């Protein structure tokens, strides 16, 4: 038997998952974003984000009758290894004794730890690449689909002991196992092709926003511009035509921030954007994608 755990103090689950599930005497907690459940706002800065994520975890633990001292293992995902020290300082405020085991990506190899890679195809986004990139792959290895390049790239990295890729059909399962049963690391020529394909894929991104956030403070409608652009790009690359996690996240942001459709075209953001992006036009595209 399993028991679903839900705490009003932590952000609600916005997809087909639960905040936590207790089964067999073990509590499994879903990953926690640094969102304040009372305001819907995401914390800014690594210290505030770490603290908010751990506060959310605490609410869920207490709802299930546990505390931080009962945690056996945590996983930390960092965008940059440069944030490690700041994250670690806040982390130590919450776990003060009987420390849980912890896995922190980018730090693992630094300490000689083996790595397990999950979602190498980015939820299917890398199974459908621009035609120009696919031609590069097919010209060198006509026997392999685009998704195989992502999986083999991950498996070829130093210290990777396992690659876990989600599959939704028997065809995908047979395809993945066909080239992983007798795994061959990427050759130098294949790595060069991957590098070239990465450039093509990056150029194909719908909105080339770097998330510098210069546009955010001066927006009179408090629109979460970089976040909306990131969600829009992910939506365009997604193979999923059913439930959209990007739309769910958009609705969460829009609950406390301005919607893309609320842009008044004052263009203050465009004047300060280092890339001189037509932000107002892009917001119209975001609104059409997520508010229709």
Protein backbone atom coordinates (compact mmCIF):
# COMPACT_ATOMS: atom_id res chain seq x y z
CA UNK A 1 0.00 0.00 0.00
CA UNK A 2 1.11 3.53 -0.65
CA UNK A 3 0.03 6.81 0.90
CA UNK A 4 -0.02 10.12 -0.96
CA UNK A 5 1.41 13.04 1.00
CA UNK A 6 0.38 16.63 0.24
CA UNK A 7 1.26 19.72 2.25
CA UNK A 8 -0.34 23.16 1.75
CA UNK A 9 2.97 24.69 2.78
CA UNK A 10 4.76 23.43 -0.33
CA UNK A 11 3.97 24.24 -3.99
CA UNK A 12 1.17 22.11 -5.39
CA UNK A 13 2.06 19.40 -7.87
CA UNK A 14 1.35 20.84 -11.32
CA UNK A 15 1.70 17.63 -13.32
CA UNK A 16 0.89 13.94 -13.06
CA UNK A 17 2.86 13.40 -9.87
CA UNK A 18 2.54 13.85 -6.10
CA UNK A 19 4.51 15.98 -3.67
CA UNK A 20 5.48 12.78 -1.91
CA UNK A 21 4.52 9.12 -1.64
CA UNK A 22 5.04 6.88 1.39
CA UNK A 23 5.43 3.19 0.62
CA UNK A 24 7.06 0.30 2.47
CA UNK A 25 8.12 2.53 5.34
CA UNK A 26 10.01 4.93 3.04
CA UNK A 27 8.97 8.44 2.06
CA UNK A 28 9.78 9.43 -1.53
CA UNK A 29 9.69 13.20 -2.07
CA UNK A 30 9.50 14.83 -5.48
CA UNK A 31 12.04 17.49 -6.42
CA UNK A 32 11.29 20.89 -4.88
CA UNK A 33 11.54 24.14 -6.81
CA UNK A 34 12.33 27.35 -4.88
CA UNK A 35 8.75 28.60 -5.08
CA UNK A 36 6.96 30.17 -2.11
CA UNK A 37 3.61 28.39 -1.95
CA UNK A 38 1.94 31.40 -0.31
CA UNK A 39 2.86 33.82 -3.11
CA UNK A 40 3.71 31.61 -6.07
CA UNK A 41 6.94 33.55 -6.50
CA UNK A 42 10.23 31.87 -7.29
CA UNK A 43 13.16 32.92 -5.14
CA UNK A 44 16.10 34.65 -6.80
CA UNK A 45 19.74 33.98 -6.00
CA UNK A 46 21.29 30.66 -5.04
CA UNK A 47 21.07 31.22 -1.27
CA UNK A 48 17.39 32.16 -1.33
CA UNK A 49 16.61 29.37 -3.79
CA UNK A 50 18.36 26.75 -1.67
CA UNK A 51 16.60 27.95 1.49
CA UNK A 52 13.14 28.01 -0.14
CA UNK A 53 13.58 24.54 -1.64
CA UNK A 54 14.57 23.12 1.74
CA UNK A 55 11.73 24.93 3.52
CA UNK A 56 9.33 23.32 1.04
CA UNK A 57 10.91 19.95 1.76
CA UNK A 58 10.39 20.55 5.48
CA UNK A 59 6.67 21.19 5.04
CA UNK A 60 6.29 17.88 3.21
CA UNK A 61 8.37 16.00 5.79
CA UNK A 62 6.27 17.36 8.66
CA UNK A 63 3.04 16.52 6.85
CA UNK A 64 4.22 12.91 6.75
CA UNK A 65 5.43 12.95 10.36
CA UNK A 66 9.16 13.23 9.64
CA UNK A 67 11.89 15.81 10.11
CA UNK A 68 15.16 16.79 8.45
CA UNK A 69 17.00 14.37 10.72
CA UNK A 70 15.10 11.47 9.14
CA UNK A 71 16.33 12.18 5.61
CA UNK A 72 18.58 9.39 4.29
CA UNK A 73 19.50 10.80 0.88
CA UNK A 74 19.18 14.03 -1.08
CA UNK A 75 19.97 15.01 -4.66
CA UNK A 76 21.07 18.55 -5.51
CA UNK A 77 20.92 19.94 -9.03
CA UNK A 78 23.13 22.96 -9.68
CA UNK A 79 23.19 25.04 -12.83
CA UNK A 80 26.80 26.01 -12.11
CA UNK A 81 29.52 24.50 -9.95
CA UNK A 82 30.33 28.07 -8.94
CA UNK A 83 27.17 28.05 -6.80
CA UNK A 84 28.28 25.04 -4.75
CA UNK A 85 29.79 26.89 -1.78
CA UNK A 86 26.80 29.22 -1.35
CA UNK A 87 24.35 26.34 -1.65
CA UNK A 88 26.34 24.22 0.78
CA UNK A 89 26.36 26.94 3.45
CA UNK A 90 22.55 27.17 3.44
CA UNK A 91 22.21 23.39 3.21
CA UNK A 92 24.22 23.04 6.43
CA UNK A 93 21.66 25.18 8.28
CA UNK A 94 19.00 22.51 7.71
CA UNK A 95 21.02 19.32 8.10
CA UNK A 96 23.05 19.73 11.29
CA UNK A 97 23.53 16.14 12.48
CA UNK A 98 23.41 12.60 11.06
CA UNK A 99 23.94 14.03 7.60
CA UNK A 100 22.09 12.31 4.74
CA UNK A 101 23.94 10.94 1.75
CA UNK A 102 23.99 13.51 -1.05
CA UNK A 103 24.55 13.49 -4.77
CA UNK A 104 25.47 16.76 -6.47
CA UNK A 105 25.95 16.78 -10.21
CA UNK A 106 29.13 18.46 -11.53
CA UNK A 107 30.71 17.76 -8.16
CA UNK A 108 30.47 13.99 -8.53
CA UNK A 109 33.35 13.61 -10.98
CA UNK A 110 35.48 16.08 -9.10
CA UNK A 111 35.45 13.60 -6.22
CA UNK A 112 35.75 10.51 -8.41
CA UNK A 113 32.11 9.44 -8.02
CA UNK A 114 30.27 7.44 -10.66
CA UNK A 115 27.39 9.21 -12.42
CA UNK A 116 23.93 8.10 -13.52
CA UNK A 117 22.45 10.25 -16.32
CA UNK A 118 18.68 10.64 -16.53
CA UNK A 119 16.63 12.05 -19.44
CA UNK A 120 19.52 12.26 -21.95
CA UNK A 121 17.02 13.02 -24.73
CA UNK A 122 15.51 15.92 -22.71
CA UNK A 123 12.01 14.53 -22.61
CA UNK A 124 12.10 13.71 -26.31
CA UNK A 125 13.28 17.15 -27.46
CA UNK A 126 16.52 15.72 -28.88
CA UNK A 127 14.67 12.99 -30.76
CA UNK A 128 13.40 15.66 -33.12
CA UNK A 129 16.25 17.90 -34.21
CA UNK A 130 16.43 20.41 -37.10
CA UNK A 131 16.69 18.78 -40.52
CA UNK A 132 20.19 20.17 -41.02
CA UNK A 133 21.41 18.54 -37.80
CA UNK A 134 19.70 15.24 -38.63
CA UNK A 135 21.43 15.19 -42.03
CA UNK A 136 24.79 15.47 -40.26
CA UNK A 137 23.93 12.47 -38.11
CA UNK A 138 22.53 10.40 -40.99
CA UNK A 139 25.46 11.16 -43.31
CA UNK A 140 27.91 9.69 -40.82
CA UNK A 141 25.73 6.99 -39.25
CA UNK A 142 22.63 6.31 -41.38
CA UNK A 143 21.79 3.37 -39.13
CA UNK A 144 21.24 5.50 -36.02
CA UNK A 145 18.31 7.83 -35.18
CA UNK A 146 18.93 11.30 -33.66
CA UNK A 147 17.94 10.16 -30.15
CA UNK A 148 20.76 7.60 -30.17
CA UNK A 149 23.35 10.36 -30.49
CA UNK A 150 22.12 12.02 -27.29
CA UNK A 151 22.13 8.72 -25.38
CA UNK A 152 25.55 7.65 -26.68
CA UNK A 153 26.98 11.11 -25.97
CA UNK A 154 25.87 10.88 -22.34
CA UNK A 155 27.12 7.30 -22.03
CA UNK A 156 30.52 8.32 -23.46
CA UNK A 157 31.20 10.90 -20.75
CA UNK A 158 33.82 10.13 -18.16
CA UNK A 159 32.53 8.31 -15.11
CA UNK A 160 29.02 7.62 -16.41
CA UNK A 161 27.98 4.16 -15.23
CA UNK A 162 24.36 4.22 -16.41
CA UNK A 163 22.06 6.18 -18.71
CA UNK A 164 18.32 6.11 -17.98
CA UNK A 165 16.13 7.11 -20.91
CA UNK A 166 12.35 7.13 -20.77
CA UNK A 167 10.59 5.12 -23.49
CA UNK A 168 6.91 5.19 -24.38
CA UNK A 169 6.68 2.35 -26.89
CA UNK A 170 8.12 -1.10 -27.64
CA UNK A 171 9.66 0.37 -30.80
CA UNK A 172 11.64 2.90 -28.76
CA UNK A 173 12.73 0.19 -26.33
CA UNK A 174 14.03 -2.04 -29.13
CA UNK A 175 15.72 0.92 -30.80
CA UNK A 176 17.55 1.99 -27.63
CA UNK A 177 18.71 -1.51 -26.75
CA UNK A 178 19.87 -2.18 -30.32
CA UNK A 179 22.80 0.23 -30.08
CA UNK A 180 23.40 0.02 -26.32
CA UNK A 181 23.77 -3.77 -26.07
CA UNK A 182 27.20 -3.49 -27.69
CA UNK A 183 27.93 0.10 -26.68
CA UNK A 184 30.50 2.04 -28.67
CA UNK A 185 31.69 5.38 -27.24
CA UNK A 186 31.60 8.32 -29.62
CA UNK A 187 34.59 8.54 -31.92
CA UNK A 188 36.49 11.80 -32.44
CA UNK A 189 34.66 12.26 -35.75
CA UNK A 190 31.30 11.69 -34.07
CA UNK A 191 32.14 14.18 -31.32
CA UNK A 192 32.93 16.76 -34.00
CA UNK A 193 29.55 16.11 -35.61
CA UNK A 194 27.81 16.50 -32.24
CA UNK A 195 29.55 19.84 -31.70
CA UNK A 196 28.38 21.04 -35.12
CA UNK A 197 24.85 19.78 -34.48
CA UNK A 198 24.72 21.58 -31.12
CA UNK A 199 25.38 24.85 -32.94
CA UNK A 200 22.56 24.13 -35.38
CA UNK A 201 20.14 23.22 -32.59
CA UNK A 202 20.98 26.33 -30.61
CA UNK A 203 20.40 28.53 -33.65
CA UNK A 204 17.01 26.89 -34.12
CA UNK A 205 15.79 27.93 -30.67
CA UNK A 206 12.62 29.96 -31.14
CA UNK A 207 13.55 32.79 -28.77
CA UNK A 208 17.33 33.26 -28.28
CA UNK A 209 17.01 34.74 -24.78
CA UNK A 210 20.06 34.37 -22.53
CA UNK A 211 18.04 34.99 -19.32
CA UNK A 212 20.24 37.92 -18.27
CA UNK A 213 17.09 39.33 -16.57
CA UNK A 214 17.89 42.96 -17.37
CA UNK A 215 14.32 43.24 -18.67
CA UNK A 216 12.61 42.10 -15.46
CA UNK A 217 12.97 44.92 -12.87
CA UNK A 218 11.52 47.66 -15.09
CA UNK A 219 8.48 45.77 -16.37
CA UNK A 220 5.37 47.66 -15.16
CA UNK A 221 3.30 44.46 -15.37
CA UNK A 222 5.89 42.28 -13.58
CA UNK A 223 5.92 39.80 -16.44
CA UNK A 224 8.31 36.87 -15.93
CA UNK A 225 9.87 37.40 -19.35
CA UNK A 226 12.90 35.04 -19.22
CA UNK A 227 10.89 32.26 -17.59
CA UNK A 228 8.12 32.55 -20.18
CA UNK A 229 10.64 32.49 -23.03
CA UNK A 230 12.31 29.37 -21.60
CA UNK A 231 8.94 27.63 -21.31
CA UNK A 232 8.01 28.66 -24.86
CA UNK A 233 11.27 27.25 -26.25
CA UNK A 234 10.77 23.99 -24.36
CA UNK A 235 7.19 23.76 -25.62
CA UNK A 236 8.31 24.18 -29.24
CA UNK A 237 10.90 21.43 -28.85
CA UNK A 238 8.63 19.02 -26.99
CA UNK A 239 7.31 15.89 -28.67
CA UNK A 240 4.44 15.61 -26.21
CA UNK A 241 1.19 16.72 -27.80
CA UNK A 242 -0.98 15.77 -24.82
CA UNK A 243 -0.40 17.15 -21.33
CA UNK A 244 1.98 20.12 -21.41
CA UNK A 245 4.16 20.60 -18.34
CA UNK A 246 5.29 23.92 -19.85
CA UNK A 247 1.70 25.20 -19.86
CA UNK A 248 1.28 24.06 -16.27
CA UNK A 249 4.40 25.95 -15.20
CA UNK A 250 3.23 28.99 -17.16
CA UNK A 251 -0.07 29.00 -15.31
CA UNK A 252 1.80 28.77 -12.00
CA UNK A 253 3.94 31.80 -12.86
CA UNK A 254 0.96 33.72 -14.23
CA UNK A 255 -0.86 33.24 -10.95
CA UNK A 256 1.36 35.85 -9.31
CA UNK A 257 3.20 37.51 -12.20
CA UNK A 258 1.81 39.33 -15.21
CA UNK A 259 0.60 37.20 -18.10
CA UNK A 260 2.30 37.54 -21.46
CA UNK A 261 -0.95 38.95 -22.88
CA UNK A 262 -0.87 41.77 -20.31
CA UNK A 263 2.16 43.37 -21.98
CA UNK A 264 1.32 47.04 -22.71
CA UNK A 265 4.05 47.37 -25.35
CA UNK A 266 5.90 50.12 -23.49
CA UNK A 267 9.11 48.50 -24.83
CA UNK A 268 11.16 49.42 -21.76
CA UNK A 269 12.45 45.84 -21.84
CA UNK A 270 13.57 46.15 -25.45
CA UNK A 271 15.54 49.30 -24.75
CA UNK A 272 17.59 47.57 -22.06
CA UNK A 273 17.93 44.13 -23.70
CA UNK A 274 21.62 43.53 -24.59
CA UNK A 275 20.51 41.39 -27.55
CA UNK A 276 17.95 43.93 -28.76
CA UNK A 277 15.31 41.22 -28.95
CA UNK A 278 11.76 42.13 -30.08
CA UNK A 279 10.44 41.11 -26.68
CA UNK A 280 6.96 42.55 -27.21
CA UNK A 281 6.46 40.45 -30.34
CA UNK A 282 7.79 37.35 -28.61
CA UNK A 283 5.37 37.84 -25.70
CA UNK A 284 2.49 37.79 -28.18
CA UNK A 285 3.73 34.39 -29.37
CA UNK A 286 3.97 33.17 -25.77
CA UNK A 287 0.41 34.31 -25.07
CA UNK A 288 -0.86 32.54 -28.19
CA UNK A 289 0.88 29.33 -27.13
CA UNK A 290 -0.12 29.20 -23.46
CA UNK A 291 -3.29 31.28 -23.09
CA UNK A 292 -5.38 29.99 -25.96
